[in-house]
Amino acid sequence: MMNQEIEYIDESGRRILPKGFDVKKAERIMENFLNFHSLRHTTFSQVVSSLILFNTGYDGGTSSNYLCNLLGVNSGDAATLKNWKTRKGVGNNDR
């Protein structure tokens, strides 16, 4: 399996996610977390920021929204396992 490390830099040259960030690892973290936690009033953006990007220096809104997009979820949607399982076109064939 190919490692999906990415580097994303916006138009002004500011890095949005840490260099070498592994999207597949983030995807596994999110799925494992949602399998054990029911967060009815927490958004995907909040979970991504606090669970995956916390203390990386990239845990702000721009980075968390971008990562949510990479993971195939709407950043403002409730972070539920149901919403995670119905995400748009990301790895749904292997689930």
PDB file of N, CA and C in Angstrom:
ATOM      1  N   MET A   1       0.838  -1.170   0.000  1.00  0.00           N
ATOM      2  CA  MET A   1       0.000   0.000   0.000  1.00  0.00           C
ATOM      3  C   MET A   1       0.890   1.243   0.000  1.00  0.00           C
ATOM      4  N   MET A   2       0.548   2.201  -0.835  1.00  0.00           N
ATOM      5  CA  MET A   2       1.323   3.427  -0.939  1.00  0.00           C
ATOM      6  C   MET A   2       0.988   4.372   0.204  1.00  0.00           C
ATOM      7  N   ASN A   3       1.997   4.926   0.840  1.00  0.00           N
ATOM      8  CA  ASN A   3       1.806   5.893   1.901  1.00  0.00           C
ATOM      9  C   ASN A   3       1.315   7.196   1.286  1.00  0.00           C
ATOM     10  N   GLN A   4       0.227   7.745   1.796  1.00  0.00           N
ATOM     11  CA  GLN A   4      -0.351   8.944   1.220  1.00  0.00           C
ATOM     12  C   GLN A   4       0.085  10.189   1.972  1.00  0.00           C
ATOM     13  N   GLU A   5       1.381  10.362   2.140  1.00  0.00           N
ATOM     14  CA  GLU A   5       1.868  11.569   2.784  1.00  0.00           C
ATOM     15  C   GLU A   5       1.714  12.727   1.823  1.00  0.00           C
ATOM     16  N   ILE A   6       1.323  13.871   2.363  1.00  0.00           N
ATOM     17  CA  ILE A   6       1.098  15.039   1.530  1.00  0.00           C
ATOM     18  C   ILE A   6       1.792  16.248   2.119  1.00  0.00           C
ATOM     19  N   GLU A   7       1.930  17.253   1.314  1.00  0.00           N
ATOM     20  CA  GLU A   7       2.330  18.562   1.785  1.00  0.00           C
ATOM     21  C   GLU A   7       1.451  19.543   1.054  1.00  0.00           C
ATOM     22  N   TYR A   8       0.764  20.392   1.780  1.00  0.00           N
ATOM     23  CA  TYR A   8      -0.117  21.356   1.149  1.00  0.00           C
ATOM     24  C   TYR A   8       0.295  22.748   1.560  1.00  0.00           C
ATOM     25  N   ILE A   9       0.521  23.591   0.576  1.00  0.00           N
ATOM     26  CA  ILE A   9       0.916  24.975   0.808  1.00  0.00           C
ATOM     27  C   ILE A   9      -0.085  25.860   0.082  1.00  0.00           C
ATOM     28  N   ASP A  10      -0.611  26.878   0.778  1.00  0.00           N
ATOM     29  CA  ASP A  10      -1.594  27.757   0.146  1.00  0.00           C
ATOM     30  C   ASP A  10      -0.917  28.770  -0.781  1.00  0.00           C
ATOM     31  N   GLU A  11      -1.704  29.638  -1.387  1.00  0.00           N
ATOM     32  CA  GLU A  11      -1.201  30.587  -2.371  1.00  0.00           C
ATOM     33  C   GLU A  11      -0.133  31.519  -1.814  1.00  0.00           C
ATOM     34  N   SER A  12      -0.192  31.819  -0.527  1.00  0.00           N
ATOM     35  CA  SER A  12       0.785  32.725   0.079  1.00  0.00           C
ATOM     36  C   SER A  12       2.046  32.002   0.538  1.00  0.00           C
ATOM     37  N   GLY A  13       2.134  30.696   0.286  1.00  0.00           N
ATOM     38  CA  GLY A  13       3.312  29.932   0.657  1.00  0.00           C
ATOM     39  C   GLY A  13       3.282  29.378   2.073  1.00  0.00           C
ATOM     40  N   ARG A  14       2.149  29.534   2.758  1.00  0.00           N
ATOM     41  CA  ARG A  14       2.007  29.019   4.121  1.00  0.00           C
ATOM     42  C   ARG A  14       1.578  27.566   4.071  1.00  0.00           C
ATOM     43  N   ARG A  15       2.281  26.710   4.810  1.00  0.00           N
ATOM     44  CA  ARG A  15       1.942  25.288   4.858  1.00  0.00           C
ATOM     45  C   ARG A  15       0.654  25.105   5.655  1.00  0.00           C
ATOM     46  N   ILE A  16      -0.272  24.300   5.142  1.00  0.00           N
ATOM     47  CA  ILE A  16      -1.568  24.059   5.782  1.00  0.00           C
ATOM     48  C   ILE A  16      -1.525  22.842   6.696  1.00  0.00           C
ATOM     49  N   LEU A  17      -0.799  21.810   6.306  1.00  0.00           N
ATOM     50  CA  LEU A  17      -0.641  20.602   7.121  1.00  0.00           C
ATOM     51  C   LEU A  17       0.849  20.329   7.284  1.00  0.00           C
ATOM     52  N   PRO A  18       1.232  19.623   8.340  1.00  0.00           N
ATOM     53  CA  PRO A  18       2.655  19.333   8.555  1.00  0.00           C
ATOM     54  C   PRO A  18       3.270  18.590   7.377  1.00  0.00           C
ATOM     55  N   LYS A  19       4.519  18.858   7.110  1.00  0.00           N
ATOM     56  CA  LYS A  19       5.230  18.149   6.038  1.00  0.00           C
ATOM     57  C   LYS A  19       5.233  16.658   6.354  1.00  0.00           C
ATOM     58  N   GLY A  20       4.939  15.838   5.360  1.00  0.00           N
ATOM     59  CA  GLY A  20       4.912  14.391   5.553  1.00  0.00           C
ATOM     60  C   GLY A  20       3.657  13.876   6.230  1.00  0.00           C
ATOM     61  N   PHE A  21       2.612  14.702   6.319  1.00  0.00           N
ATOM     62  CA  PHE A  21       1.379  14.288   6.982  1.00  0.00           C
ATOM     63  C   PHE A  21       0.788  13.072   6.281  1.00  0.00           C
ATOM     64  N   ASP A  22       0.393  12.071   7.037  1.00  0.00           N
ATOM     65  CA  ASP A  22      -0.122  10.813   6.499  1.00  0.00           C
ATOM     66  C   ASP A  22      -1.650  10.784   6.608  1.00  0.00           C
ATOM     67  N   VAL A  23      -2.323  10.960   5.485  1.00  0.00           N
ATOM     68  CA  VAL A  23      -3.783  11.021   5.458  1.00  0.00           C
ATOM     69  C   VAL A  23      -4.403   9.679   5.845  1.00  0.00           C
ATOM     70  N   LYS A  24      -3.819   8.575   5.397  1.00  0.00           N
ATOM     71  CA  LYS A  24      -4.360   7.248   5.738  1.00  0.00           C
ATOM     72  C   LYS A  24      -4.310   7.008   7.249  1.00  0.00           C
ATOM     73  N   LYS A  25      -3.244   7.445   7.894  1.00  0.00           N
ATOM     74  CA  LYS A  25      -3.142   7.301   9.345  1.00  0.00           C
ATOM     75  C   LYS A  25      -4.213   8.155  10.029  1.00  0.00           C
ATOM     76  N   ALA A  26      -4.422   9.361   9.536  1.00  0.00           N
ATOM     77  CA  ALA A  26      -5.463  10.226  10.090  1.00  0.00           C
ATOM     78  C   ALA A  26      -6.839   9.591   9.922  1.00  0.00           C
ATOM     79  N   GLU A  27      -7.043   8.957   8.787  1.00  0.00           N
ATOM     80  CA  GLU A  27      -8.300   8.274   8.519  1.00  0.00           C
ATOM     81  C   GLU A  27      -8.529   7.138   9.516  1.00  0.00           C
ATOM     82  N   ARG A  28      -7.490   6.351   9.792  1.00  0.00           N
ATOM     83  CA  ARG A  28      -7.615   5.255  10.770  1.00  0.00           C
ATOM     84  C   ARG A  28      -7.866   5.789  12.178  1.00  0.00           C
ATOM     85  N   ILE A  29      -7.201   6.877  12.545  1.00  0.00           N
ATOM     86  CA  ILE A  29      -7.407   7.475  13.865  1.00  0.00           C
ATOM     87  C   ILE A  29      -8.854   7.914  14.020  1.00  0.00           C
ATOM     88  N   MET A  30      -9.373   8.594  13.002  1.00  0.00           N
ATOM     89  CA  MET A  30     -10.751   9.093  13.061  1.00  0.00           C
ATOM     90  C   MET A  30     -11.736   7.933  13.152  1.00  0.00           C
ATOM     91  N   GLU A  31     -11.556   6.916  12.334  1.00  0.00           N
ATOM     92  CA  GLU A  31     -12.477   5.774  12.358  1.00  0.00           C
ATOM     93  C   GLU A  31     -12.439   5.064  13.712  1.00  0.00           C
ATOM     94  N   ASN A  32     -11.259   4.822  14.244  1.00  0.00           N
ATOM     95  CA  ASN A  32     -11.141   4.177  15.557  1.00  0.00           C
ATOM     96  C   ASN A  32     -11.798   5.018  16.636  1.00  0.00           C
ATOM     97  N   PHE A  33     -11.570   6.307  16.610  1.00  0.00           N
ATOM     98  CA  PHE A  33     -12.159   7.194  17.607  1.00  0.00           C
ATOM     99  C   PHE A  33     -13.678   7.162  17.538  1.00  0.00           C
ATOM    100  N   LEU A  34     -14.230   7.277  16.329  1.00  0.00           N
ATOM    101  CA  LEU A  34     -15.687   7.318  16.178  1.00  0.00           C
ATOM    102  C   LEU A  34     -16.345   5.984  16.488  1.00  0.00           C
ATOM    103  N   ASN A  35     -15.611   4.900  16.385  1.00  0.00           N
ATOM    104  CA  ASN A  35     -16.159   3.598  16.763  1.00  0.00           C
ATOM    105  C   ASN A  35     -16.418   3.500  18.260  1.00  0.00           C
ATOM    106  N   PHE A  36     -15.733   4.299  19.044  1.00  0.00           N
ATOM    107  CA  PHE A  36     -15.848   4.198  20.500  1.00  0.00           C
ATOM    108  C   PHE A  36     -16.444   5.429  21.174  1.00  0.00           C
ATOM    109  N   HIS A  37     -16.703   6.495  20.418  1.00  0.00           N
ATOM    110  CA  HIS A  37     -17.231   7.727  21.006  1.00  0.00           C
ATOM    111  C   HIS A  37     -18.424   8.221  20.207  1.00  0.00           C
ATOM    112  N   SER A  38     -19.453   8.641  20.913  1.00  0.00           N
ATOM    113  CA  SER A  38     -20.627   9.222  20.285  1.00  0.00           C
ATOM    114  C   SER A  38     -20.625  10.714  20.594  1.00  0.00           C
ATOM    115  N   LEU A  39     -20.370  11.529  19.572  1.00  0.00           N
ATOM    116  CA  LEU A  39     -20.242  12.974  19.763  1.00  0.00           C
ATOM    117  C   LEU A  39     -21.343  13.699  18.995  1.00  0.00           C
ATOM    118  N   ARG A  40     -22.495  13.778  19.564  1.00  0.00           N
ATOM    119  CA  ARG A  40     -23.629  14.354  18.856  1.00  0.00           C
ATOM    120  C   ARG A  40     -23.505  15.850  18.603  1.00  0.00           C
ATOM    121  N   HIS A  41     -22.779  16.567  19.433  1.00  0.00           N
ATOM    122  CA  HIS A  41     -22.717  18.013  19.306  1.00  0.00           C
ATOM    123  C   HIS A  41     -21.321  18.514  18.944  1.00  0.00           C
ATOM    124  N   THR A  42     -20.487  17.649  18.438  1.00  0.00           N
ATOM    125  CA  THR A  42     -19.131  18.007  18.050  1.00  0.00           C
ATOM    126  C   THR A  42     -18.999  17.826  16.548  1.00  0.00           C
ATOM    127  N   THR A  43     -18.355  18.787  15.893  1.00  0.00           N
ATOM    128  CA  THR A  43     -18.193  18.701  14.444  1.00  0.00           C
ATOM    129  C   THR A  43     -16.922  17.945  14.083  1.00  0.00           C
ATOM    130  N   PHE A  44     -16.863  17.499  12.833  1.00  0.00           N
ATOM    131  CA  PHE A  44     -15.653  16.835  12.352  1.00  0.00           C
ATOM    132  C   PHE A  44     -14.445  17.768  12.473  1.00  0.00           C
ATOM    133  N   SER A  45     -14.629  19.029  12.179  1.00  0.00           N
ATOM    134  CA  SER A  45     -13.531  19.990  12.271  1.00  0.00           C
ATOM    135  C   SER A  45     -12.968  20.052  13.688  1.00  0.00           C
ATOM    136  N   GLN A  46     -13.840  20.048  14.685  1.00  0.00           N
ATOM    137  CA  GLN A  46     -13.389  20.083  16.077  1.00  0.00           C
ATOM    138  C   GLN A  46     -12.625  18.818  16.444  1.00  0.00           C
ATOM    139  N   VAL A  47     -13.115  17.672  15.998  1.00  0.00           N
ATOM    140  CA  VAL A  47     -12.440  16.405  16.310  1.00  0.00           C
ATOM    141  C   VAL A  47     -11.079  16.351  15.631  1.00  0.00           C
ATOM    142  N   VAL A  48     -11.022  16.705  14.363  1.00  0.00           N
ATOM    143  CA  VAL A  48      -9.759  16.695  13.622  1.00  0.00           C
ATOM    144  C   VAL A  48      -8.751  17.620  14.296  1.00  0.00           C
ATOM    145  N   SER A  49      -9.201  18.808  14.674  1.00  0.00           N
ATOM    146  CA  SER A  49      -8.305  19.774  15.296  1.00  0.00           C
ATOM    147  C   SER A  49      -7.771  19.282  16.634  1.00  0.00           C
ATOM    148  N   SER A  50      -8.646  18.719  17.467  1.00  0.00           N
ATOM    149  CA  SER A  50      -8.211  18.311  18.810  1.00  0.00           C
ATOM    150  C   SER A  50      -7.591  16.919  18.857  1.00  0.00           C
ATOM    151  N   LEU A  51      -7.991  16.029  17.977  1.00  0.00           N
ATOM    152  CA  LEU A  51      -7.513  14.641  18.036  1.00  0.00           C
ATOM    153  C   LEU A  51      -6.302  14.392  17.144  1.00  0.00           C
ATOM    154  N   ILE A  52      -6.303  14.938  15.947  1.00  0.00           N
ATOM    155  CA  ILE A  52      -5.261  14.615  14.981  1.00  0.00           C
ATOM    156  C   ILE A  52      -4.222  15.722  14.844  1.00  0.00           C
ATOM    157  N   LEU A  53      -4.645  16.981  14.871  1.00  0.00           N
ATOM    158  CA  LEU A  53      -3.719  18.084  14.626  1.00  0.00           C
ATOM    159  C   LEU A  53      -3.265  18.812  15.895  1.00  0.00           C
ATOM    160  N   PHE A  54      -3.800  18.461  17.048  1.00  0.00           N
ATOM    161  CA  PHE A  54      -3.491  19.158  18.302  1.00  0.00           C
ATOM    162  C   PHE A  54      -1.984  19.247  18.547  1.00  0.00           C
ATOM    163  N   ASN A  55      -1.533  20.432  18.863  1.00  0.00           N
ATOM    164  CA  ASN A  55      -0.122  20.732  19.174  1.00  0.00           C
ATOM    165  C   ASN A  55       0.842  20.507  18.014  1.00  0.00           C
ATOM    166  N   THR A  56       0.337  20.473  16.794  1.00  0.00           N
ATOM    167  CA  THR A  56       1.235  20.381  15.647  1.00  0.00           C
ATOM    168  C   THR A  56       1.553  21.771  15.105  1.00  0.00           C
ATOM    169  N   GLY A  57       0.805  22.764  15.545  1.00  0.00           N
ATOM    170  CA  GLY A  57       0.924  24.098  14.982  1.00  0.00           C
ATOM    171  C   GLY A  57      -0.005  24.274  13.798  1.00  0.00           C
ATOM    172  N   TYR A  58      -0.720  23.210  13.444  1.00  0.00           N
ATOM    173  CA  TYR A  58      -1.636  23.234  12.306  1.00  0.00           C
ATOM    174  C   TYR A  58      -3.057  22.901  12.750  1.00  0.00           C
ATOM    175  N   ASP A  59      -3.386  23.194  14.019  1.00  0.00           N
ATOM    176  CA  ASP A  59      -4.687  22.787  14.530  1.00  0.00           C
ATOM    177  C   ASP A  59      -5.736  23.884  14.435  1.00  0.00           C
ATOM    178  N   GLY A  60      -5.532  24.867  13.561  1.00  0.00           N
ATOM    179  CA  GLY A  60      -6.506  25.925  13.353  1.00  0.00           C
ATOM    180  C   GLY A  60      -7.565  25.545  12.335  1.00  0.00           C
ATOM    181  N   GLY A  61      -8.459  26.472  12.077  1.00  0.00           N
ATOM    182  CA  GLY A  61      -9.591  26.231  11.191  1.00  0.00           C
ATOM    183  C   GLY A  61      -9.215  25.877   9.771  1.00  0.00           C
ATOM    184  N   THR A  62      -8.242  26.568   9.195  1.00  0.00           N
ATOM    185  CA  THR A  62      -7.867  26.300   7.805  1.00  0.00           C
ATOM    186  C   THR A  62      -7.362  24.880   7.642  1.00  0.00           C
ATOM    187  N   SER A  63      -6.460  24.461   8.520  1.00  0.00           N
ATOM    188  CA  SER A  63      -5.891  23.118   8.422  1.00  0.00           C
ATOM    189  C   SER A  63      -6.928  22.041   8.710  1.00  0.00           C
ATOM    190  N   SER A  64      -7.745  22.249   9.730  1.00  0.00           N
ATOM    191  CA  SER A  64      -8.733  21.219  10.063  1.00  0.00           C
ATOM    192  C   SER A  64      -9.791  21.112   8.974  1.00  0.00           C
ATOM    193  N   ASN A  65     -10.198  22.238   8.390  1.00  0.00           N
ATOM    194  CA  ASN A  65     -11.165  22.178   7.291  1.00  0.00           C
ATOM    195  C   ASN A  65     -10.563  21.488   6.076  1.00  0.00           C
ATOM    196  N   TYR A  66      -9.303  21.758   5.786  1.00  0.00           N
ATOM    197  CA  TYR A  66      -8.636  21.119   4.652  1.00  0.00           C
ATOM    198  C   TYR A  66      -8.527  19.614   4.867  1.00  0.00           C
ATOM    199  N   LEU A  67      -8.143  19.210   6.081  1.00  0.00           N
ATOM    200  CA  LEU A  67      -8.029  17.781   6.374  1.00  0.00           C
ATOM    201  C   LEU A  67      -9.398  17.104   6.295  1.00  0.00           C
ATOM    202  N   CYS A  68     -10.432  17.759   6.794  1.00  0.00           N
ATOM    203  CA  CYS A  68     -11.782  17.193   6.672  1.00  0.00           C
ATOM    204  C   CYS A  68     -12.119  16.948   5.209  1.00  0.00           C
ATOM    205  N   ASN A  69     -11.765  17.896   4.357  1.00  0.00           N
ATOM    206  CA  ASN A  69     -12.013  17.730   2.923  1.00  0.00           C
ATOM    207  C   ASN A  69     -11.248  16.530   2.381  1.00  0.00           C
ATOM    208  N   LEU A  70      -9.988  16.367   2.784  1.00  0.00           N
ATOM    209  CA  LEU A  70      -9.202  15.210   2.346  1.00  0.00           C
ATOM    210  C   LEU A  70      -9.818  13.900   2.827  1.00  0.00           C
ATOM    211  N   LEU A  71     -10.398  13.925   4.013  1.00  0.00           N
ATOM    212  CA  LEU A  71     -11.010  12.719   4.574  1.00  0.00           C
ATOM    213  C   LEU A  71     -12.411  12.467   4.021  1.00  0.00           C
ATOM    214  N   GLY A  72     -12.946  13.433   3.255  1.00  0.00           N
ATOM    215  CA  GLY A  72     -14.239  13.243   2.616  1.00  0.00           C
ATOM    216  C   GLY A  72     -15.438  13.562   3.470  1.00  0.00           C
ATOM    217  N   VAL A  73     -15.246  14.398   4.502  1.00  0.00           N
ATOM    218  CA  VAL A  73     -16.363  14.793   5.352  1.00  0.00           C
ATOM    219  C   VAL A  73     -16.520  16.305   5.322  1.00  0.00           C
ATOM    220  N   ASN A  74     -17.735  16.754   5.578  1.00  0.00           N
ATOM    221  CA  ASN A  74     -17.998  18.179   5.712  1.00  0.00           C
ATOM    222  C   ASN A  74     -17.552  18.599   7.101  1.00  0.00           C
ATOM    223  N   SER A  75     -16.689  19.591   7.180  1.00  0.00           N
ATOM    224  CA  SER A  75     -16.104  19.988   8.469  1.00  0.00           C
ATOM    225  C   SER A  75     -17.145  20.389   9.504  1.00  0.00           C
ATOM    226  N   GLY A  76     -18.290  20.904   9.072  1.00  0.00           N
ATOM    227  CA  GLY A  76     -19.322  21.345  10.006  1.00  0.00           C
ATOM    228  C   GLY A  76     -20.324  20.285  10.400  1.00  0.00           C
ATOM    229  N   ASP A  77     -20.255  19.103   9.783  1.00  0.00           N
ATOM    230  CA  ASP A  77     -21.175  18.019  10.127  1.00  0.00           C
ATOM    231  C   ASP A  77     -20.848  17.430  11.491  1.00  0.00           C
ATOM    232  N   ALA A  78     -21.865  16.867  12.129  1.00  0.00           N
ATOM    233  CA  ALA A  78     -21.676  16.199  13.413  1.00  0.00           C
ATOM    234  C   ALA A  78     -20.725  15.024  13.248  1.00  0.00           C
ATOM    235  N   ALA A  79     -19.790  14.909  14.172  1.00  0.00           N
ATOM    236  CA  ALA A  79     -18.788  13.838  14.124  1.00  0.00           C
ATOM    237  C   ALA A  79     -19.397  12.560  14.676  1.00  0.00           C
ATOM    238  N   THR A  80     -20.156  11.887  13.828  1.00  0.00           N
ATOM    239  CA  THR A  80     -20.788  10.630  14.220  1.00  0.00           C
ATOM    240  C   THR A  80     -20.283   9.514  13.315  1.00  0.00           C
ATOM    241  N   LEU A  81     -20.362   8.300  13.803  1.00  0.00           N
ATOM    242  CA  LEU A  81     -19.947   7.154  13.004  1.00  0.00           C
ATOM    243  C   LEU A  81     -20.824   7.045  11.759  1.00  0.00           C
ATOM    244  N   LYS A  82     -22.106   7.354  11.890  1.00  0.00           N
ATOM    245  CA  LYS A  82     -23.012   7.307  10.744  1.00  0.00           C
ATOM    246  C   LYS A  82     -22.551   8.284   9.656  1.00  0.00           C
ATOM    247  N   ASN A  83     -22.237   9.522  10.029  1.00  0.00           N
ATOM    248  CA  ASN A  83     -21.754  10.500   9.050  1.00  0.00           C
ATOM    249  C   ASN A  83     -20.405  10.092   8.479  1.00  0.00           C
ATOM    250  N   TRP A  84     -19.561   9.487   9.293  1.00  0.00           N
ATOM    251  CA  TRP A  84     -18.250   9.026   8.820  1.00  0.00           C
ATOM    252  C   TRP A  84     -18.420   7.939   7.766  1.00  0.00           C
ATOM    253  N   LYS A  85     -19.333   7.005   8.010  1.00  0.00           N
ATOM    254  CA  LYS A  85     -19.535   5.879   7.090  1.00  0.00           C
ATOM    255  C   LYS A  85     -20.143   6.327   5.752  1.00  0.00           C
ATOM    256  N   THR A  86     -20.815   7.461   5.718  1.00  0.00           N
ATOM    257  CA  THR A  86     -21.458   7.934   4.489  1.00  0.00           C
ATOM    258  C   THR A  86     -20.666   9.053   3.821  1.00  0.00           C
ATOM    259  N   ARG A  87     -19.408   9.182   4.157  1.00  0.00           N
ATOM    260  CA  ARG A  87     -18.619  10.277   3.582  1.00  0.00           C
ATOM    261  C   ARG A  87     -18.474  10.131   2.081  1.00  0.00           C
ATOM    262  N   LYS A  88     -18.203  11.227   1.453  1.00  0.00           N
ATOM    263  CA  LYS A  88     -18.233  11.295  -0.009  1.00  0.00           C
ATOM    264  C   LYS A  88     -17.013  10.684  -0.678  1.00  0.00           C
ATOM    265  N   GLY A  89     -17.166   9.503  -1.220  1.00  0.00           N
ATOM    266  CA  GLY A  89     -16.207   8.893  -2.113  1.00  0.00           C
ATOM    267  C   GLY A  89     -14.803   8.641  -1.630  1.00  0.00           C
ATOM    268  N   VAL A  90     -14.558   8.540  -0.344  1.00  0.00           N
ATOM    269  CA  VAL A  90     -13.201   8.277   0.140  1.00  0.00           C
ATOM    270  C   VAL A  90     -13.156   6.884   0.732  1.00  0.00           C
ATOM    271  N   GLY A  91     -12.581   5.968   0.014  1.00  0.00           N
ATOM    272  CA  GLY A  91     -12.356   4.634   0.542  1.00  0.00           C
ATOM    273  C   GLY A  91     -13.591   3.820   0.862  1.00  0.00           C
ATOM    274  N   ASN A  92     -14.752   4.234   0.378  1.00  0.00           N
ATOM    275  CA  ASN A  92     -15.969   3.502   0.704  1.00  0.00           C
ATOM    276  C   ASN A  92     -16.007   2.105   0.100  1.00  0.00           C
ATOM    277  N   ASN A  93     -15.225   1.861  -0.932  1.00  0.00           N
ATOM    278  CA  ASN A  93     -15.220   0.551  -1.556  1.00  0.00           C
ATOM    279  C   ASN A  93     -14.563  -0.514  -0.699  1.00  0.00           C
ATOM    280  N   ASP A  94     -13.685  -0.103   0.218  1.00  0.00           N
ATOM    281  CA  ASP A  94     -12.974  -1.094   1.027  1.00  0.00           C
ATOM    282  C   ASP A  94     -13.521  -1.184   2.433  1.00  0.00           C
ATOM    283  N   ARG A  95     -14.699  -0.729   2.662  1.00  0.00           N
ATOM    284  CA  ARG A  95     -15.308  -0.773   3.986  1.00  0.00           C
ATOM    285  C   ARG A  95     -16.350  -1.855   4.043  1.00  0.00           C
TER     286      ARG A  95
END
